[in-house]
N, C-alpha and C. Protein backbone atom coordinates (compact mmCIF):
# COMPACT_ATOMS: atom_id res chain seq x y z
N UNK A 1 130.76 118.30 130.16
CA UNK A 1 130.71 117.18 130.93
C UNK A 1 132.54 116.87 131.21
N UNK A 2 132.57 116.56 132.41
CA UNK A 2 133.89 115.74 132.48
C UNK A 2 134.12 114.67 131.56
N UNK A 3 135.27 114.22 131.82
CA UNK A 3 135.92 112.94 131.55
C UNK A 3 135.27 111.85 131.85
N UNK A 4 135.55 112.02 133.44
CA UNK A 4 134.64 110.51 134.10
C UNK A 4 133.60 110.52 133.90
N UNK A 5 132.51 111.80 134.09
CA UNK A 5 131.19 111.67 133.58
C UNK A 5 131.12 110.87 132.08
N UNK A 6 131.96 111.10 131.22
CA UNK A 6 131.52 110.65 130.06
C UNK A 6 132.14 109.36 130.28
N UNK A 7 133.11 108.32 130.71
CA UNK A 7 132.98 107.28 130.86
C UNK A 7 131.93 106.38 131.62
N UNK A 8 131.38 107.04 132.55
CA UNK A 8 130.31 106.55 133.29
C UNK A 8 129.51 106.33 132.56
N UNK A 9 128.98 107.33 131.48
CA UNK A 9 128.08 107.32 130.49
C UNK A 9 128.13 105.90 129.65
N UNK A 10 129.63 105.82 129.13
CA UNK A 10 129.63 104.60 128.08
C UNK A 10 129.51 103.67 129.08
N UNK A 11 129.97 103.27 129.79
CA UNK A 11 130.18 101.96 130.85
C UNK A 11 128.43 101.68 130.62
N UNK A 12 127.66 102.66 131.34
CA UNK A 12 126.37 102.61 131.32
C UNK A 12 125.64 101.91 130.30
N UNK A 13 126.04 102.66 129.07
CA UNK A 13 125.50 101.96 127.61
C UNK A 13 126.25 100.53 127.40
N UNK A 14 127.10 100.15 127.84
CA UNK A 14 127.75 99.28 127.60
C UNK A 14 126.53 98.30 128.21
N UNK A 15 126.51 98.29 129.52
CA UNK A 15 125.87 97.68 130.03
C UNK A 15 124.70 97.40 129.45
N UNK A 16 123.34 98.12 129.28
CA UNK A 16 122.39 98.33 128.46
C UNK A 16 122.58 97.73 127.35
N UNK A 17 123.47 97.66 126.83
CA UNK A 17 123.61 97.02 125.61
C UNK A 17 123.84 95.10 125.78
N UNK A 18 124.72 95.07 126.69
CA UNK A 18 124.94 93.64 127.37
C UNK A 18 123.40 93.11 127.48
N UNK A 19 122.87 93.56 128.33
CA UNK A 19 121.61 93.27 128.76
C UNK A 19 120.57 93.11 127.87
N UNK A 20 120.65 93.93 126.42
CA UNK A 20 119.97 93.33 125.28
C UNK A 20 120.30 92.61 124.51
N UNK A 21 121.36 92.05 125.21
CA UNK A 21 122.01 90.57 124.18
C UNK A 21 123.30 91.26 123.03
N UNK A 22 123.23 92.32 123.31
CA UNK A 22 124.46 92.82 121.95
C UNK A 22 125.80 92.33 122.06
N UNK A 23 126.65 91.89 121.75
CA UNK A 23 127.70 91.56 121.32
C UNK A 23 128.77 92.97 121.82
N UNK A 24 129.16 92.77 123.25
CA UNK A 24 129.45 93.94 123.66
C UNK A 24 131.51 93.69 123.97
N UNK A 25 132.34 92.65 123.13
CA UNK A 25 133.07 92.06 123.80
C UNK A 25 133.94 93.05 123.00
N UNK A 26 134.04 93.85 122.07
CA UNK A 26 135.12 95.06 121.79
C UNK A 26 135.40 95.96 122.73
N UNK A 27 134.67 96.10 123.66
CA UNK A 27 134.88 96.73 125.04
C UNK A 27 136.04 96.37 125.57
N UNK A 28 136.04 95.30 125.51
CA UNK A 28 137.23 94.13 126.33
C UNK A 28 138.54 93.98 126.15
N UNK A 29 139.28 94.27 126.36
CA UNK A 29 140.97 94.03 125.81
C UNK A 29 141.77 92.54 126.08
N UNK A 30 140.82 92.20 126.99
CA UNK A 30 140.95 90.70 127.40
C UNK A 30 142.51 90.77 127.98
N UNK A 31 143.24 91.77 128.64
CA UNK A 31 144.43 92.09 129.22
C UNK A 31 144.23 91.84 130.78
N UNK A 32 143.26 91.86 131.21
CA UNK A 32 142.85 91.97 132.34
C UNK A 32 143.37 90.40 133.37
N UNK A 33 143.67 90.18 134.31
CA UNK A 33 144.21 89.01 134.72
C UNK A 33 143.71 89.02 136.33
N UNK A 34 142.57 87.96 136.54
CA UNK A 34 142.20 87.93 137.89
C UNK A 34 142.98 87.16 138.76
N UNK A 35 142.90 88.02 139.65
CA UNK A 35 143.73 88.08 140.92
C UNK A 35 143.17 87.74 141.80
N UNK A 36 143.70 87.10 142.67
CA UNK A 36 143.54 86.74 144.21
C UNK A 36 144.60 86.90 145.37
N UNK A 37 143.88 87.69 146.12
CA UNK A 37 145.27 87.85 147.54
C UNK A 37 145.53 86.89 148.66
N UNK A 38 146.31 86.18 148.93
CA UNK A 38 146.46 85.21 149.31
C UNK A 38 147.32 85.28 150.86
N UNK A 39 147.29 84.91 152.13
CA UNK A 39 147.80 84.94 153.12
C UNK A 39 148.98 83.74 153.28
N UNK A 40 150.03 83.80 153.46
CA UNK A 40 150.67 82.38 153.50
C UNK A 40 151.73 82.58 155.07
N UNK A 41 151.55 81.46 155.81
CA UNK A 41 152.14 81.92 157.34
C UNK A 41 153.72 80.76 156.93
N UNK A 42 154.84 81.63 156.99
CA UNK A 42 156.17 80.37 156.87
C UNK A 42 156.87 80.74 157.69
N UNK A 43 157.54 80.29 158.28
CA UNK A 43 158.60 80.01 159.43
C UNK A 43 159.99 81.06 158.89
N UNK A 44 160.08 82.10 160.15
CA UNK A 44 160.98 82.88 159.91
C UNK A 44 162.26 82.61 159.39
N UNK A 45 162.64 81.43 159.66
CA UNK A 45 164.26 81.05 159.06
C UNK A 45 164.06 80.97 157.38
N UNK A 46 163.16 80.08 157.05
CA UNK A 46 162.48 80.19 155.49
C UNK A 46 162.80 81.20 154.90
N UNK A 47 161.91 82.41 155.29
CA UNK A 47 161.63 83.95 154.85
C UNK A 47 162.96 84.28 155.05
N UNK A 48 163.93 84.36 155.55
CA UNK A 48 165.34 84.78 155.89
C UNK A 48 166.27 84.34 154.53
N UNK A 49 165.91 83.05 154.35
CA UNK A 49 166.54 82.24 153.43
C UNK A 49 165.83 82.71 151.85
N UNK A 50 164.80 82.87 151.81
CA UNK A 50 163.94 83.94 150.52
C UNK A 50 164.36 84.99 150.34
N UNK A 51 164.61 86.00 151.73
CA UNK A 51 165.03 87.13 151.46
C UNK A 51 166.56 87.41 150.84
N UNK A 52 167.27 86.40 151.34
CA UNK A 52 168.78 86.15 150.88
C UNK A 52 168.98 86.02 149.35
N UNK A 53 168.04 85.12 148.72
CA UNK A 53 168.12 85.07 147.70
C UNK A 53 167.19 86.43 146.51
N UNK A 54 166.45 86.74 147.27
CA UNK A 54 165.83 88.12 146.32
C UNK A 54 166.53 89.21 146.59
N UNK A 55 167.62 88.98 147.29
CA UNK A 55 168.64 90.30 147.41
C UNK A 55 169.68 90.04 146.84
N UNK A 56 170.30 88.73 146.46
CA UNK A 56 171.00 88.36 145.89
C UNK A 56 170.89 88.50 144.07
N UNK A 57 169.19 88.22 143.84
CA UNK A 57 168.68 88.54 142.11
C UNK A 57 168.24 89.75 142.14
N UNK A 58 168.07 90.65 143.49
CA UNK A 58 167.63 91.86 143.16
C UNK A 58 165.97 91.92 142.82
N UNK A 59 165.59 91.36 143.42
CA UNK A 59 164.12 90.97 143.11
C UNK A 59 163.38 91.53 144.48
N UNK A 60 161.96 91.54 144.34
CA UNK A 60 161.13 91.39 145.82
C UNK A 60 160.83 90.13 145.88
N UNK A 61 160.51 90.22 147.26
CA UNK A 61 160.01 88.74 147.78
C UNK A 61 158.81 88.09 147.11
N UNK A 62 157.50 89.13 146.94
CA UNK A 62 156.81 88.54 146.24
C UNK A 62 156.78 88.15 144.64
N UNK A 63 158.18 89.05 143.80
CA UNK A 63 158.70 88.11 142.65
C UNK A 63 158.78 87.30 142.76
N UNK A 64 159.99 86.72 144.20
CA UNK A 64 160.45 85.53 144.16
C UNK A 64 160.02 84.52 143.67
N UNK A 65 158.38 84.70 145.25
CA UNK A 65 157.68 83.64 145.32
C UNK A 65 156.87 83.29 144.05
N UNK A 66 155.88 84.37 143.16
CA UNK A 66 155.63 84.04 142.15
C UNK A 66 156.53 83.33 141.46
N UNK A 67 157.91 83.53 141.27
CA UNK A 67 158.80 82.72 140.42
C UNK A 67 159.22 81.44 140.50
N UNK A 68 159.18 80.88 141.81
CA UNK A 68 159.33 79.78 142.46
C UNK A 68 158.07 79.06 142.53
N UNK A 69 156.64 79.69 142.23
CA UNK A 69 155.41 78.64 142.02
C UNK A 69 155.49 78.79 140.66
N UNK A 70 155.84 79.60 139.62
CA UNK A 70 155.80 79.14 138.14
C UNK A 70 156.71 78.02 138.17
N UNK A 71 157.97 78.05 138.66
CA UNK A 71 158.87 76.77 138.04
C UNK A 71 158.32 75.40 138.95
N UNK A 72 158.09 75.70 139.94
CA UNK A 72 157.24 74.73 140.39
C UNK A 72 156.41 73.69 139.61
N UNK A 73 154.89 74.57 139.28
CA UNK A 73 154.16 74.25 138.40
C UNK A 73 154.66 73.61 137.00
N UNK A 74 155.72 74.02 136.35
CA UNK A 74 156.39 73.89 135.09
C UNK A 74 157.05 72.41 135.43
N UNK A 75 157.85 72.25 136.44
CA UNK A 75 158.67 71.17 137.00
C UNK A 75 157.38 70.15 136.84
N UNK A 76 156.17 70.28 137.66
CA UNK A 76 155.30 69.64 137.93
C UNK A 76 154.40 68.86 136.88
N UNK A 77 154.45 69.85 135.54
CA UNK A 77 153.66 69.79 134.16
C UNK A 77 154.12 68.38 133.46
N UNK A 78 154.25 67.58 133.83
CA UNK A 78 155.34 66.47 133.02
C UNK A 78 154.17 65.70 132.01
N UNK A 79 153.59 66.44 130.86
CA UNK A 79 152.62 66.01 130.11
C UNK A 79 151.45 66.30 130.43
N UNK A 80 151.00 66.40 131.94
CA UNK A 80 149.84 66.28 132.30
C UNK A 80 148.56 67.83 131.50
N UNK A 81 149.58 68.59 130.97
CA UNK A 81 149.17 69.85 130.43
C UNK A 81 148.44 70.66 131.56
N UNK A 82 148.89 71.50 131.86
CA UNK A 82 148.54 72.42 133.07
C UNK A 82 148.24 73.69 132.28
N UNK A 83 147.33 74.55 132.72
CA UNK A 83 146.87 75.49 131.91
C UNK A 83 148.13 76.69 131.95
N UNK A 84 148.56 77.35 131.01
CA UNK A 84 149.59 78.37 131.41
C UNK A 84 148.63 79.86 132.34
N UNK A 85 149.20 80.06 132.82
CA UNK A 85 149.18 80.99 134.11
C UNK A 85 149.75 82.30 133.43
N UNK A 86 148.90 83.57 133.66
CA UNK A 86 150.04 84.81 133.03
C UNK A 86 150.14 85.24 134.65
């Protein structure tokens, strides 16, 4: 049997065990972070400013936007206890 086929069998066995109500948590690492892709329309001038900052910092636009959102959420969390986002 090839490796892929063995993996499929393992997944099927885990699913069967879960259906029987067995604890299958040991098969999951918890490292997966749920993500959702979004589209955001921004004015070109705004994007140019972002791109200038990205170039200066040596990071991608996506990385800069994530960093900016993280920073704004941390600033907004003035004791409100916002959940940590990975």
